[in-house]
């Protein structure tokens, strides 16, 4: 099961790209554009309760367009009634944005005198060169970047080429609304923590080369994958979402080691921390609307929703 497919093209984009993307003129034509109508009658949206209080938890798509809005009334009403918004990271806060840039440059640049083509296989470099030529994008822009940073950048560029926009992602839109409405905004992660999820690895360049190779391969499937993912989110289709998130790809035994490390850093560890934050909101009887990437709420047994059930909270899907 290859979770890196989802991470490479969606989740990790949130670390460095969404909120920085600039294409406002979106309007990509996708199936079932009415986000309010779901086949299942439910969304990737949960109410988590203890004896005294409850919080709402929404699974986000980090890149979107205007067809996502307005969201279903059950989501809109819950957001309107919440006093606080909790997100992975408040990228709309200037100090946070500056920290993202600082951490990215600190951890995403290769040492002086080292270039990308020296740390990745020739075949990966050639694939990157071909893609840059096709996109009319100068490959020189990538020469000083570590492989994982190149991957996140390619992911964001690919999304924008499809007409999707980080500033229209569910997180970003709700952050803007919360700010305008005077709601308290809580960031559950720091810029350093999010970027460390990609870069903090004893074999970061080797793992990043695996990650970059997968990203380059998957970009060819991007249109189909994104269309299916967005359809799944809009229609509440859990089976389709899992098909996209868990798509199998052929990888070597060596690559499986890198994959497992990424899975631990990107999902397992962060899911546990998110669940602890939500539990603390319930303990303190806080009226919080939580929004995190949908993969954190749906993948396997260590997702945030499963962890909250194990803690004994009542969990209802709407």
C-alpha atoms as a PDB file:
ATOM      1  CA  UNK A   1       0.000   0.000   0.000  1.00  0.00           C
ATOM      2  CA  UNK A   2       1.639   3.217  -1.148  1.00  0.00           C
ATOM      3  CA  UNK A   3       0.697   6.147   1.037  1.00  0.00           C
ATOM      4  CA  UNK A   4       3.490   8.222  -0.444  1.00  0.00           C
ATOM      5  CA  UNK A   5       1.381   8.720  -3.567  1.00  0.00           C
ATOM      6  CA  UNK A   6      -1.022  10.877  -1.579  1.00  0.00           C
ATOM      7  CA  UNK A   7       1.678  12.529   0.474  1.00  0.00           C
ATOM      8  CA  UNK A   8       3.731  13.539  -2.505  1.00  0.00           C
ATOM      9  CA  UNK A   9       0.930  15.293  -4.330  1.00  0.00           C
ATOM     10  CA  UNK A  10      -1.325  16.648  -1.604  1.00  0.00           C
ATOM     11  CA  UNK A  11      -0.402  16.517   2.043  1.00  0.00           C
ATOM     12  CA  UNK A  12       3.147  17.742   1.708  1.00  0.00           C
ATOM     13  CA  UNK A  13       2.022  20.627  -0.481  1.00  0.00           C
ATOM     14  CA  UNK A  14       0.505  22.072   2.684  1.00  0.00           C
ATOM     15  CA  UNK A  15       3.943  22.271   4.264  1.00  0.00           C
ATOM     16  CA  UNK A  16       5.456  24.708   1.801  1.00  0.00           C
ATOM     17  CA  UNK A  17       3.038  25.691  -0.944  1.00  0.00           C
ATOM     18  CA  UNK A  18      -0.573  26.334   0.069  1.00  0.00           C
ATOM     19  CA  UNK A  19      -1.064  29.887   1.126  1.00  0.00           C
ATOM     20  CA  UNK A  20       1.875  30.860  -1.094  1.00  0.00           C
ATOM     21  CA  UNK A  21       0.297  29.816  -4.392  1.00  0.00           C
ATOM     22  CA  UNK A  22      -0.932  32.800  -6.361  1.00  0.00           C
ATOM     23  CA  UNK A  23      -3.281  31.731  -9.152  1.00  0.00           C
ATOM     24  CA  UNK A  24      -6.639  33.250  -8.207  1.00  0.00           C
ATOM     25  CA  UNK A  25      -8.351  32.645 -11.562  1.00  0.00           C
ATOM     26  CA  UNK A  26      -9.335  29.069 -10.942  1.00  0.00           C
ATOM     27  CA  UNK A  27     -12.283  27.156 -12.316  1.00  0.00           C
ATOM     28  CA  UNK A  28     -11.154  23.721 -13.437  1.00  0.00           C
ATOM     29  CA  UNK A  29     -14.008  21.629 -14.827  1.00  0.00           C
ATOM     30  CA  UNK A  30     -14.534  18.602 -12.594  1.00  0.00           C
ATOM     31  CA  UNK A  31     -17.316  16.102 -12.170  1.00  0.00           C
ATOM     32  CA  UNK A  32     -20.128  16.728  -9.653  1.00  0.00           C
ATOM     33  CA  UNK A  33     -19.211  20.333  -8.971  1.00  0.00           C
ATOM     34  CA  UNK A  34     -21.953  20.816  -6.401  1.00  0.00           C
ATOM     35  CA  UNK A  35     -20.106  20.208  -3.168  1.00  0.00           C
ATOM     36  CA  UNK A  36     -23.367  20.179  -1.192  1.00  0.00           C
ATOM     37  CA  UNK A  37     -24.656  16.950  -2.749  1.00  0.00           C
ATOM     38  CA  UNK A  38     -23.150  13.688  -1.532  1.00  0.00           C
ATOM     39  CA  UNK A  39     -23.945  10.169  -2.634  1.00  0.00           C
ATOM     40  CA  UNK A  40     -23.557   8.798   0.880  1.00  0.00           C
ATOM     41  CA  UNK A  41     -25.384  11.641   2.592  1.00  0.00           C
ATOM     42  CA  UNK A  42     -22.252  12.166   4.678  1.00  0.00           C
ATOM     43  CA  UNK A  43     -19.026  14.105   4.390  1.00  0.00           C
ATOM     44  CA  UNK A  44     -15.510  13.634   5.736  1.00  0.00           C
ATOM     45  CA  UNK A  45     -16.790  15.450   8.777  1.00  0.00           C
ATOM     46  CA  UNK A  46     -17.131  14.188  12.344  1.00  0.00           C
ATOM     47  CA  UNK A  47     -18.494  15.326  15.673  1.00  0.00           C
ATOM     48  CA  UNK A  48     -16.347  14.107  18.573  1.00  0.00           C
ATOM     49  CA  UNK A  49     -17.890  14.306  22.051  1.00  0.00           C
ATOM     50  CA  UNK A  50     -17.292  13.525  25.695  1.00  0.00           C
ATOM     51  CA  UNK A  51     -19.776  13.889  28.540  1.00  0.00           C
ATOM     52  CA  UNK A  52     -19.668  17.690  28.564  1.00  0.00           C
ATOM     53  CA  UNK A  53     -18.637  19.016  25.173  1.00  0.00           C
ATOM     54  CA  UNK A  54     -17.979  18.330  21.520  1.00  0.00           C
ATOM     55  CA  UNK A  55     -15.708  19.471  18.698  1.00  0.00           C
ATOM     56  CA  UNK A  56     -16.119  19.206  14.939  1.00  0.00           C
ATOM     57  CA  UNK A  57     -13.395  17.663  12.761  1.00  0.00           C
ATOM     58  CA  UNK A  58     -13.291  18.252   8.986  1.00  0.00           C
ATOM     59  CA  UNK A  59     -11.015  16.535   6.476  1.00  0.00           C
ATOM     60  CA  UNK A  60      -9.477  19.091   4.141  1.00  0.00           C
ATOM     61  CA  UNK A  61      -8.273  19.173   0.567  1.00  0.00           C
ATOM     62  CA  UNK A  62      -5.348  21.604   0.561  1.00  0.00           C
ATOM     63  CA  UNK A  63      -5.704  22.643  -3.089  1.00  0.00           C
ATOM     64  CA  UNK A  64      -9.176  23.433  -4.435  1.00  0.00           C
ATOM     65  CA  UNK A  65     -11.217  25.852  -6.547  1.00  0.00           C
ATOM     66  CA  UNK A  66     -14.436  27.851  -6.296  1.00  0.00           C
ATOM     67  CA  UNK A  67     -16.639  24.803  -6.954  1.00  0.00           C
ATOM     68  CA  UNK A  68     -16.014  23.631  -3.375  1.00  0.00           C
ATOM     69  CA  UNK A  69     -18.017  26.515  -1.918  1.00  0.00           C
ATOM     70  CA  UNK A  70     -20.298  27.016  -0.187  1.00  0.00           C
ATOM     71  CA  UNK A  71     -19.887  23.748   1.671  1.00  0.00           C
ATOM     72  CA  UNK A  72     -22.842  21.729   2.916  1.00  0.00           C
ATOM     73  CA  UNK A  73     -25.012  23.469   5.514  1.00  0.00           C
ATOM     74  CA  UNK A  74     -24.047  21.026   8.261  1.00  0.00           C
ATOM     75  CA  UNK A  75     -20.399  22.088   7.839  1.00  0.00           C
ATOM     76  CA  UNK A  76     -21.206  25.771   7.420  1.00  0.00           C
ATOM     77  CA  UNK A  77     -23.465  25.838  10.503  1.00  0.00           C
ATOM     78  CA  UNK A  78     -20.901  24.041  12.649  1.00  0.00           C
ATOM     79  CA  UNK A  79     -18.196  26.476  11.596  1.00  0.00           C
ATOM     80  CA  UNK A  80     -20.425  29.484  12.250  1.00  0.00           C
ATOM     81  CA  UNK A  81     -21.190  28.290  15.782  1.00  0.00           C
ATOM     82  CA  UNK A  82     -17.573  27.519  16.688  1.00  0.00           C
ATOM     83  CA  UNK A  83     -15.571  29.962  18.768  1.00  0.00           C
ATOM     84  CA  UNK A  84     -12.181  28.696  17.617  1.00  0.00           C
ATOM     85  CA  UNK A  85     -10.597  27.203  14.510  1.00  0.00           C
ATOM     86  CA  UNK A  86      -7.773  24.666  14.876  1.00  0.00           C
ATOM     87  CA  UNK A  87      -5.611  23.883  11.837  1.00  0.00           C
ATOM     88  CA  UNK A  88      -2.389  22.021  11.176  1.00  0.00           C
ATOM     89  CA  UNK A  89      -0.511  25.307  10.832  1.00  0.00           C
ATOM     90  CA  UNK A  90      -1.760  28.893  10.618  1.00  0.00           C
ATOM     91  CA  UNK A  91      -0.002  29.799   7.386  1.00  0.00           C
ATOM     92  CA  UNK A  92      -2.003  33.054   7.198  1.00  0.00           C
ATOM     93  CA  UNK A  93      -0.085  34.365  10.215  1.00  0.00           C
ATOM     94  CA  UNK A  94       2.843  36.412   8.900  1.00  0.00           C
ATOM     95  CA  UNK A  95       5.282  35.149  11.509  1.00  0.00           C
ATOM     96  CA  UNK A  96       4.387  31.559  10.620  1.00  0.00           C
ATOM     97  CA  UNK A  97       4.837  32.232   6.899  1.00  0.00           C
ATOM     98  CA  UNK A  98       8.232  33.758   7.569  1.00  0.00           C
ATOM     99  CA  UNK A  99       9.209  30.757   9.665  1.00  0.00           C
ATOM    100  CA  UNK A 100       8.164  28.418   6.835  1.00  0.00           C
ATOM    101  CA  UNK A 101      10.487  30.280   4.468  1.00  0.00           C
ATOM    102  CA  UNK A 102      13.324  30.271   6.992  1.00  0.00           C
ATOM    103  CA  UNK A 103      12.967  26.567   7.803  1.00  0.00           C
ATOM    104  CA  UNK A 104      12.628  25.681   4.116  1.00  0.00           C
ATOM    105  CA  UNK A 105      15.844  27.465   3.226  1.00  0.00           C
ATOM    106  CA  UNK A 106      17.656  26.103   6.245  1.00  0.00           C
ATOM    107  CA  UNK A 107      16.678  22.482   5.661  1.00  0.00           C
ATOM    108  CA  UNK A 108      15.841  22.405   1.965  1.00  0.00           C
ATOM    109  CA  UNK A 109      19.101  23.643   0.457  1.00  0.00           C
ATOM    110  CA  UNK A 110      22.045  21.409  -0.394  1.00  0.00           C
ATOM    111  CA  UNK A 111      25.485  22.260   1.048  1.00  0.00           C
ATOM    112  CA  UNK A 112      27.546  24.780  -0.869  1.00  0.00           C
ATOM    113  CA  UNK A 113      29.323  23.124  -3.782  1.00  0.00           C
ATOM    114  CA  UNK A 114      26.774  20.296  -4.040  1.00  0.00           C
ATOM    115  CA  UNK A 115      24.100  20.184  -6.727  1.00  0.00           C
ATOM    116  CA  UNK A 116      20.965  18.090  -7.088  1.00  0.00           C
ATOM    117  CA  UNK A 117      22.319  15.991  -9.968  1.00  0.00           C
ATOM    118  CA  UNK A 118      25.079  14.785  -7.621  1.00  0.00           C
ATOM    119  CA  UNK A 119      22.687  13.346  -5.007  1.00  0.00           C
ATOM    120  CA  UNK A 120      19.997  11.713  -7.161  1.00  0.00           C
ATOM    121  CA  UNK A 121      20.305   8.898  -9.727  1.00  0.00           C
ATOM    122  CA  UNK A 122      20.948   9.888 -13.337  1.00  0.00           C
ATOM    123  CA  UNK A 123      17.581   8.429 -14.357  1.00  0.00           C
ATOM    124  CA  UNK A 124      15.736  10.689 -11.875  1.00  0.00           C
ATOM    125  CA  UNK A 125      17.688  13.734 -13.034  1.00  0.00           C
ATOM    126  CA  UNK A 126      16.853  12.936 -16.658  1.00  0.00           C
ATOM    127  CA  UNK A 127      13.148  12.562 -15.804  1.00  0.00           C
ATOM    128  CA  UNK A 128      13.214  15.908 -14.012  1.00  0.00           C
ATOM    129  CA  UNK A 129      14.968  17.504 -16.961  1.00  0.00           C
ATOM    130  CA  UNK A 130      12.321  16.150 -19.351  1.00  0.00           C
ATOM    131  CA  UNK A 131       9.497  17.448 -17.183  1.00  0.00           C
ATOM    132  CA  UNK A 132      11.077  20.885 -16.859  1.00  0.00           C
ATOM    133  CA  UNK A 133      11.470  21.041 -20.635  1.00  0.00           C
ATOM    134  CA  UNK A 134       7.822  20.080 -21.130  1.00  0.00           C
ATOM    135  CA  UNK A 135       6.699  22.715 -18.630  1.00  0.00           C
ATOM    136  CA  UNK A 136       9.144  25.321 -19.924  1.00  0.00           C
ATOM    137  CA  UNK A 137      10.507  25.601 -16.387  1.00  0.00           C
ATOM    138  CA  UNK A 138      14.252  26.162 -15.862  1.00  0.00           C
ATOM    139  CA  UNK A 139      15.824  23.129 -14.215  1.00  0.00           C
ATOM    140  CA  UNK A 140      18.497  25.445 -12.822  1.00  0.00           C
ATOM    141  CA  UNK A 141      15.898  26.538 -10.241  1.00  0.00           C
ATOM    142  CA  UNK A 142      16.205  23.106  -8.641  1.00  0.00           C
ATOM    143  CA  UNK A 143      19.974  22.575  -8.634  1.00  0.00           C
ATOM    144  CA  UNK A 144      20.556  23.801  -5.061  1.00  0.00           C
ATOM    145  CA  UNK A 145      17.467  22.149  -3.578  1.00  0.00           C
ATOM    146  CA  UNK A 146      17.358  18.870  -1.692  1.00  0.00           C
ATOM    147  CA  UNK A 147      15.269  16.178  -3.430  1.00  0.00           C
ATOM    148  CA  UNK A 148      12.346  16.382  -0.990  1.00  0.00           C
ATOM    149  CA  UNK A 149      12.122  20.151  -1.541  1.00  0.00           C
ATOM    150  CA  UNK A 150      12.100  19.659  -5.310  1.00  0.00           C
ATOM    151  CA  UNK A 151       9.218  17.214  -4.882  1.00  0.00           C
ATOM    152  CA  UNK A 152       7.086  19.629  -2.885  1.00  0.00           C
ATOM    153  CA  UNK A 153       7.752  22.379  -5.393  1.00  0.00           C
ATOM    154  CA  UNK A 154       6.804  20.129  -8.335  1.00  0.00           C
ATOM    155  CA  UNK A 155       3.620  19.124  -6.538  1.00  0.00           C
ATOM    156  CA  UNK A 156       2.533  22.711  -6.076  1.00  0.00           C
ATOM    157  CA  UNK A 157       3.375  23.599  -9.681  1.00  0.00           C
ATOM    158  CA  UNK A 158       1.424  20.594 -10.930  1.00  0.00           C
ATOM    159  CA  UNK A 159      -1.631  21.608  -8.913  1.00  0.00           C
ATOM    160  CA  UNK A 160      -1.524  25.145 -10.255  1.00  0.00           C
ATOM    161  CA  UNK A 161      -1.216  23.846 -13.813  1.00  0.00           C
ATOM    162  CA  UNK A 162      -4.496  22.003 -13.228  1.00  0.00           C
ATOM    163  CA  UNK A 163      -6.191  25.239 -12.185  1.00  0.00           C
ATOM    164  CA  UNK A 164      -6.217  24.421  -8.473  1.00  0.00           C
ATOM    165  CA  UNK A 165      -5.081  26.935  -5.897  1.00  0.00           C
ATOM    166  CA  UNK A 166      -3.658  26.663  -2.398  1.00  0.00           C
ATOM    167  CA  UNK A 167      -5.438  29.851  -1.385  1.00  0.00           C
ATOM    168  CA  UNK A 168      -8.754  28.137  -2.245  1.00  0.00           C
ATOM    169  CA  UNK A 169      -7.973  25.038  -0.193  1.00  0.00           C
ATOM    170  CA  UNK A 170     -10.439  24.243   2.576  1.00  0.00           C
ATOM    171  CA  UNK A 171      -7.919  25.131   5.295  1.00  0.00           C
ATOM    172  CA  UNK A 172      -7.026  28.460   3.707  1.00  0.00           C
ATOM    173  CA  UNK A 173     -10.620  29.526   3.071  1.00  0.00           C
ATOM    174  CA  UNK A 174     -11.674  28.719   6.634  1.00  0.00           C
ATOM    175  CA  UNK A 175      -8.599  30.482   8.016  1.00  0.00           C
ATOM    176  CA  UNK A 176      -9.560  33.643   6.145  1.00  0.00           C
ATOM    177  CA  UNK A 177     -13.141  33.402   7.388  1.00  0.00           C
ATOM    178  CA  UNK A 178     -12.067  32.791  10.979  1.00  0.00           C
ATOM    179  CA  UNK A 179      -9.781  35.813  10.867  1.00  0.00           C
ATOM    180  CA  UNK A 180     -12.520  38.016   9.385  1.00  0.00           C
ATOM    181  CA  UNK A 181     -15.045  36.819  11.984  1.00  0.00           C
ATOM    182  CA  UNK A 182     -12.702  37.264  14.931  1.00  0.00           C
ATOM    183  CA  UNK A 183     -12.474  33.589  15.871  1.00  0.00           C
ATOM    184  CA  UNK A 184      -9.456  32.411  17.823  1.00  0.00           C
ATOM    185  CA  UNK A 185      -7.099  30.439  15.546  1.00  0.00           C
ATOM    186  CA  UNK A 186      -5.000  27.586  16.922  1.00  0.00           C
ATOM    187  CA  UNK A 187      -2.069  26.015  15.066  1.00  0.00           C
ATOM    188  CA  UNK A 188      -1.439  22.425  16.135  1.00  0.00           C
ATOM    189  CA  UNK A 189       2.000  22.281  14.520  1.00  0.00           C
ATOM    190  CA  UNK A 190       4.909  24.633  14.015  1.00  0.00           C
ATOM    191  CA  UNK A 191       6.657  25.298  10.721  1.00  0.00           C
ATOM    192  CA  UNK A 192       9.682  23.420  12.032  1.00  0.00           C
ATOM    193  CA  UNK A 193       7.605  20.365  12.933  1.00  0.00           C
ATOM    194  CA  UNK A 194       5.919  20.211   9.547  1.00  0.00           C
ATOM    195  CA  UNK A 195       9.121  20.631   7.564  1.00  0.00           C
ATOM    196  CA  UNK A 196      10.939  18.181   9.816  1.00  0.00           C
ATOM    197  CA  UNK A 197       8.326  15.603   8.808  1.00  0.00           C
ATOM    198  CA  UNK A 198       9.945  15.731   5.379  1.00  0.00           C
ATOM    199  CA  UNK A 199      13.549  16.616   6.105  1.00  0.00           C
ATOM    200  CA  UNK A 200      14.377  15.075   9.491  1.00  0.00           C
ATOM    201  CA  UNK A 201      15.886  11.790   8.377  1.00  0.00           C
ATOM    202  CA  UNK A 202      19.369  10.337   8.671  1.00  0.00           C
ATOM    203  CA  UNK A 203      19.126   9.434   4.987  1.00  0.00           C
ATOM    204  CA  UNK A 204      17.110  12.458   3.904  1.00  0.00           C
ATOM    205  CA  UNK A 205      18.692  12.821   0.460  1.00  0.00           C
ATOM    206  CA  UNK A 206      18.442   9.118  -0.356  1.00  0.00           C
ATOM    207  CA  UNK A 207      14.871   9.008   0.887  1.00  0.00           C
ATOM    208  CA  UNK A 208      14.166  12.262  -0.922  1.00  0.00           C
ATOM    209  CA  UNK A 209      15.442  10.761  -4.170  1.00  0.00           C
ATOM    210  CA  UNK A 210      12.923   7.923  -3.765  1.00  0.00           C
ATOM    211  CA  UNK A 211      10.240  10.468  -3.001  1.00  0.00           C
ATOM    212  CA  UNK A 212      11.197  12.600  -6.004  1.00  0.00           C
ATOM    213  CA  UNK A 213      11.210   9.580  -8.315  1.00  0.00           C
ATOM    214  CA  UNK A 214       7.690   8.675  -7.192  1.00  0.00           C
ATOM    215  CA  UNK A 215       6.514  12.252  -7.621  1.00  0.00           C
ATOM    216  CA  UNK A 216       7.858  12.441 -11.175  1.00  0.00           C
ATOM    217  CA  UNK A 217       6.155   9.166 -12.049  1.00  0.00           C
ATOM    218  CA  UNK A 218       2.853  10.161 -10.489  1.00  0.00           C
ATOM    219  CA  UNK A 219       2.626  13.562 -12.168  1.00  0.00           C
ATOM    220  CA  UNK A 220       1.724  11.690 -15.348  1.00  0.00           C
ATOM    221  CA  UNK A 221      -1.346  10.338 -13.546  1.00  0.00           C
ATOM    222  CA  UNK A 222      -2.191  13.603 -11.835  1.00  0.00           C
ATOM    223  CA  UNK A 223      -5.279  14.625 -13.804  1.00  0.00           C
ATOM    224  CA  UNK A 224      -7.040  11.331 -13.163  1.00  0.00           C
ATOM    225  CA  UNK A 225      -5.967  11.070  -9.545  1.00  0.00           C
ATOM    226  CA  UNK A 226      -6.983  14.617  -8.647  1.00  0.00           C
ATOM    227  CA  UNK A 227     -10.337  14.303 -10.379  1.00  0.00           C
ATOM    228  CA  UNK A 228     -11.100  11.102  -8.457  1.00  0.00           C
ATOM    229  CA  UNK A 229      -9.917  12.551  -5.158  1.00  0.00           C
ATOM    230  CA  UNK A 230     -12.032  15.673  -5.520  1.00  0.00           C
ATOM    231  CA  UNK A 231     -15.052  13.637  -6.546  1.00  0.00           C
ATOM    232  CA  UNK A 232     -14.546  11.436  -3.466  1.00  0.00           C
ATOM    233  CA  UNK A 233     -14.342  14.469  -1.171  1.00  0.00           C
ATOM    234  CA  UNK A 234     -17.374  16.191  -2.659  1.00  0.00           C
ATOM    235  CA  UNK A 235     -19.552  13.072  -2.642  1.00  0.00           C
ATOM    236  CA  UNK A 236     -18.379  11.626   0.675  1.00  0.00           C
ATOM    237  CA  UNK A 237     -17.279   8.449  -1.138  1.00  0.00           C
ATOM    238  CA  UNK A 238     -15.079   6.704   1.416  1.00  0.00           C
ATOM    239  CA  UNK A 239     -14.242   3.737  -0.827  1.00  0.00           C
ATOM    240  CA  UNK A 240     -13.132   5.945  -3.710  1.00  0.00           C
ATOM    241  CA  UNK A 241     -11.046   8.103  -1.386  1.00  0.00           C
ATOM    242  CA  UNK A 242      -9.238   5.053  -0.031  1.00  0.00           C
ATOM    243  CA  UNK A 243      -8.638   3.754  -3.546  1.00  0.00           C
ATOM    244  CA  UNK A 244      -6.865   6.985  -4.409  1.00  0.00           C
ATOM    245  CA  UNK A 245      -4.945   7.252  -1.145  1.00  0.00           C
ATOM    246  CA  UNK A 246      -3.884   3.618  -1.081  1.00  0.00           C
ATOM    247  CA  UNK A 247      -3.005   3.108  -4.745  1.00  0.00           C
ATOM    248  CA  UNK A 248      -0.374   0.416  -5.105  1.00  0.00           C
ATOM    249  CA  UNK A 249       2.860   1.014  -6.976  1.00  0.00           C
ATOM    250  CA  UNK A 250       5.765  -1.324  -7.569  1.00  0.00           C
ATOM    251  CA  UNK A 251       8.688  -0.394  -5.322  1.00  0.00           C
ATOM    252  CA  UNK A 252      11.872  -2.166  -4.300  1.00  0.00           C
ATOM    253  CA  UNK A 253      12.640  -3.567  -0.870  1.00  0.00           C
ATOM    254  CA  UNK A 254      15.040  -0.672  -0.299  1.00  0.00           C
ATOM    255  CA  UNK A 255      12.321   1.819  -1.214  1.00  0.00           C
ATOM    256  CA  UNK A 256       9.958   0.179   1.279  1.00  0.00           C
ATOM    257  CA  UNK A 257      12.335   1.214   4.071  1.00  0.00           C
ATOM    258  CA  UNK A 258      12.137   4.838   2.939  1.00  0.00           C
ATOM    259  CA  UNK A 259       8.376   4.552   2.527  1.00  0.00           C
ATOM    260  CA  UNK A 260       7.951   3.296   6.085  1.00  0.00           C
ATOM    261  CA  UNK A 261      10.033   6.169   7.451  1.00  0.00           C
ATOM    262  CA  UNK A 262       7.988   8.716   5.535  1.00  0.00           C
ATOM    263  CA  UNK A 263       4.757   7.086   6.707  1.00  0.00           C
ATOM    264  CA  UNK A 264       5.895   7.299  10.320  1.00  0.00           C
ATOM    265  CA  UNK A 265       6.993  10.939  10.014  1.00  0.00           C
ATOM    266  CA  UNK A 266       4.158  12.241   7.841  1.00  0.00           C
ATOM    267  CA  UNK A 267       1.242  10.301   9.285  1.00  0.00           C
ATOM    268  CA  UNK A 268       1.667   8.136  12.369  1.00  0.00           C
ATOM    269  CA  UNK A 269       3.519  10.578  14.632  1.00  0.00           C
ATOM    270  CA  UNK A 270       1.509  13.598  13.524  1.00  0.00           C
ATOM    271  CA  UNK A 271      -1.831  11.763  13.800  1.00  0.00           C
ATOM    272  CA  UNK A 272      -1.107  10.960  17.423  1.00  0.00           C
ATOM    273  CA  UNK A 273      -0.323  14.592  18.205  1.00  0.00           C
ATOM    274  CA  UNK A 274      -3.472  15.810  16.440  1.00  0.00           C
ATOM    275  CA  UNK A 275      -5.607  13.378  18.419  1.00  0.00           C
ATOM    276  CA  UNK A 276      -4.026  14.630  21.656  1.00  0.00           C
ATOM    277  CA  UNK A 277      -4.834  18.222  20.745  1.00  0.00           C
ATOM    278  CA  UNK A 278      -8.475  17.341  20.064  1.00  0.00           C
ATOM    279  CA  UNK A 279      -8.703  15.414  23.335  1.00  0.00           C
ATOM    280  CA  UNK A 280      -7.369  18.466  25.169  1.00  0.00           C
ATOM    281  CA  UNK A 281     -10.037  20.696  23.588  1.00  0.00           C
ATOM    282  CA  UNK A 282     -12.725  18.340  24.873  1.00  0.00           C
ATOM    283  CA  UNK A 283     -11.165  18.184  28.319  1.00  0.00           C
ATOM    284  CA  UNK A 284     -11.218  21.989  28.509  1.00  0.00           C
ATOM    285  CA  UNK A 285     -14.789  22.206  27.096  1.00  0.00           C
ATOM    286  CA  UNK A 286     -13.633  24.391  24.214  1.00  0.00           C
ATOM    287  CA  UNK A 287     -15.919  25.021  21.236  1.00  0.00           C
ATOM    288  CA  UNK A 288     -13.434  24.224  18.437  1.00  0.00           C
ATOM    289  CA  UNK A 289     -13.794  23.497  14.722  1.00  0.00           C
ATOM    290  CA  UNK A 290     -10.796  21.389  13.629  1.00  0.00           C
ATOM    291  CA  UNK A 291      -9.635  21.063  10.025  1.00  0.00           C
ATOM    292  CA  UNK A 292      -6.734  18.826   8.928  1.00  0.00           C
ATOM    293  CA  UNK A 293      -5.793  17.027   5.719  1.00  0.00           C
ATOM    294  CA  UNK A 294      -8.327  14.309   4.964  1.00  0.00           C
ATOM    295  CA  UNK A 295      -5.635  11.597   4.811  1.00  0.00           C
ATOM    296  CA  UNK A 296      -5.020  12.086   8.537  1.00  0.00           C
ATOM    297  CA  UNK A 297      -8.637  11.084   9.210  1.00  0.00           C
ATOM    298  CA  UNK A 298      -9.023   8.121   6.866  1.00  0.00           C
ATOM    299  CA  UNK A 299      -5.879   6.038   6.436  1.00  0.00           C
ATOM    300  CA  UNK A 300      -5.753   2.674   8.237  1.00  0.00           C
ATOM    301  CA  UNK A 301      -6.024   2.121  11.977  1.00  0.00           C
ATOM    302  CA  UNK A 302      -3.721   4.889  13.164  1.00  0.00           C
ATOM    303  CA  UNK A 303      -5.772   7.749  11.732  1.00  0.00           C
ATOM    304  CA  UNK A 304      -6.977  10.565  13.981  1.00  0.00           C
ATOM    305  CA  UNK A 305     -10.599   9.405  14.090  1.00  0.00           C
ATOM    306  CA  UNK A 306      -9.649   5.856  15.069  1.00  0.00           C
ATOM    307  CA  UNK A 307      -7.322   7.166  17.778  1.00  0.00           C
ATOM    308  CA  UNK A 308     -10.109   9.312  19.226  1.00  0.00           C
ATOM    309  CA  UNK A 309     -12.483   6.326  19.300  1.00  0.00           C
ATOM    310  CA  UNK A 310      -9.846   4.347  21.177  1.00  0.00           C
ATOM    311  CA  UNK A 311      -9.652   7.123  23.739  1.00  0.00           C
ATOM    312  CA  UNK A 312     -13.342   6.486  24.485  1.00  0.00           C
ATOM    313  CA  UNK A 313     -14.869   9.538  22.809  1.00  0.00           C
ATOM    314  CA  UNK A 314     -18.187   9.359  21.003  1.00  0.00           C
ATOM    315  CA  UNK A 315     -17.574   9.823  17.285  1.00  0.00           C
ATOM    316  CA  UNK A 316     -20.358  10.554  14.761  1.00  0.00           C
ATOM    317  CA  UNK A 317     -19.938  11.149  11.048  1.00  0.00           C
ATOM    318  CA  UNK A 318     -22.100  13.752   9.307  1.00  0.00           C
END
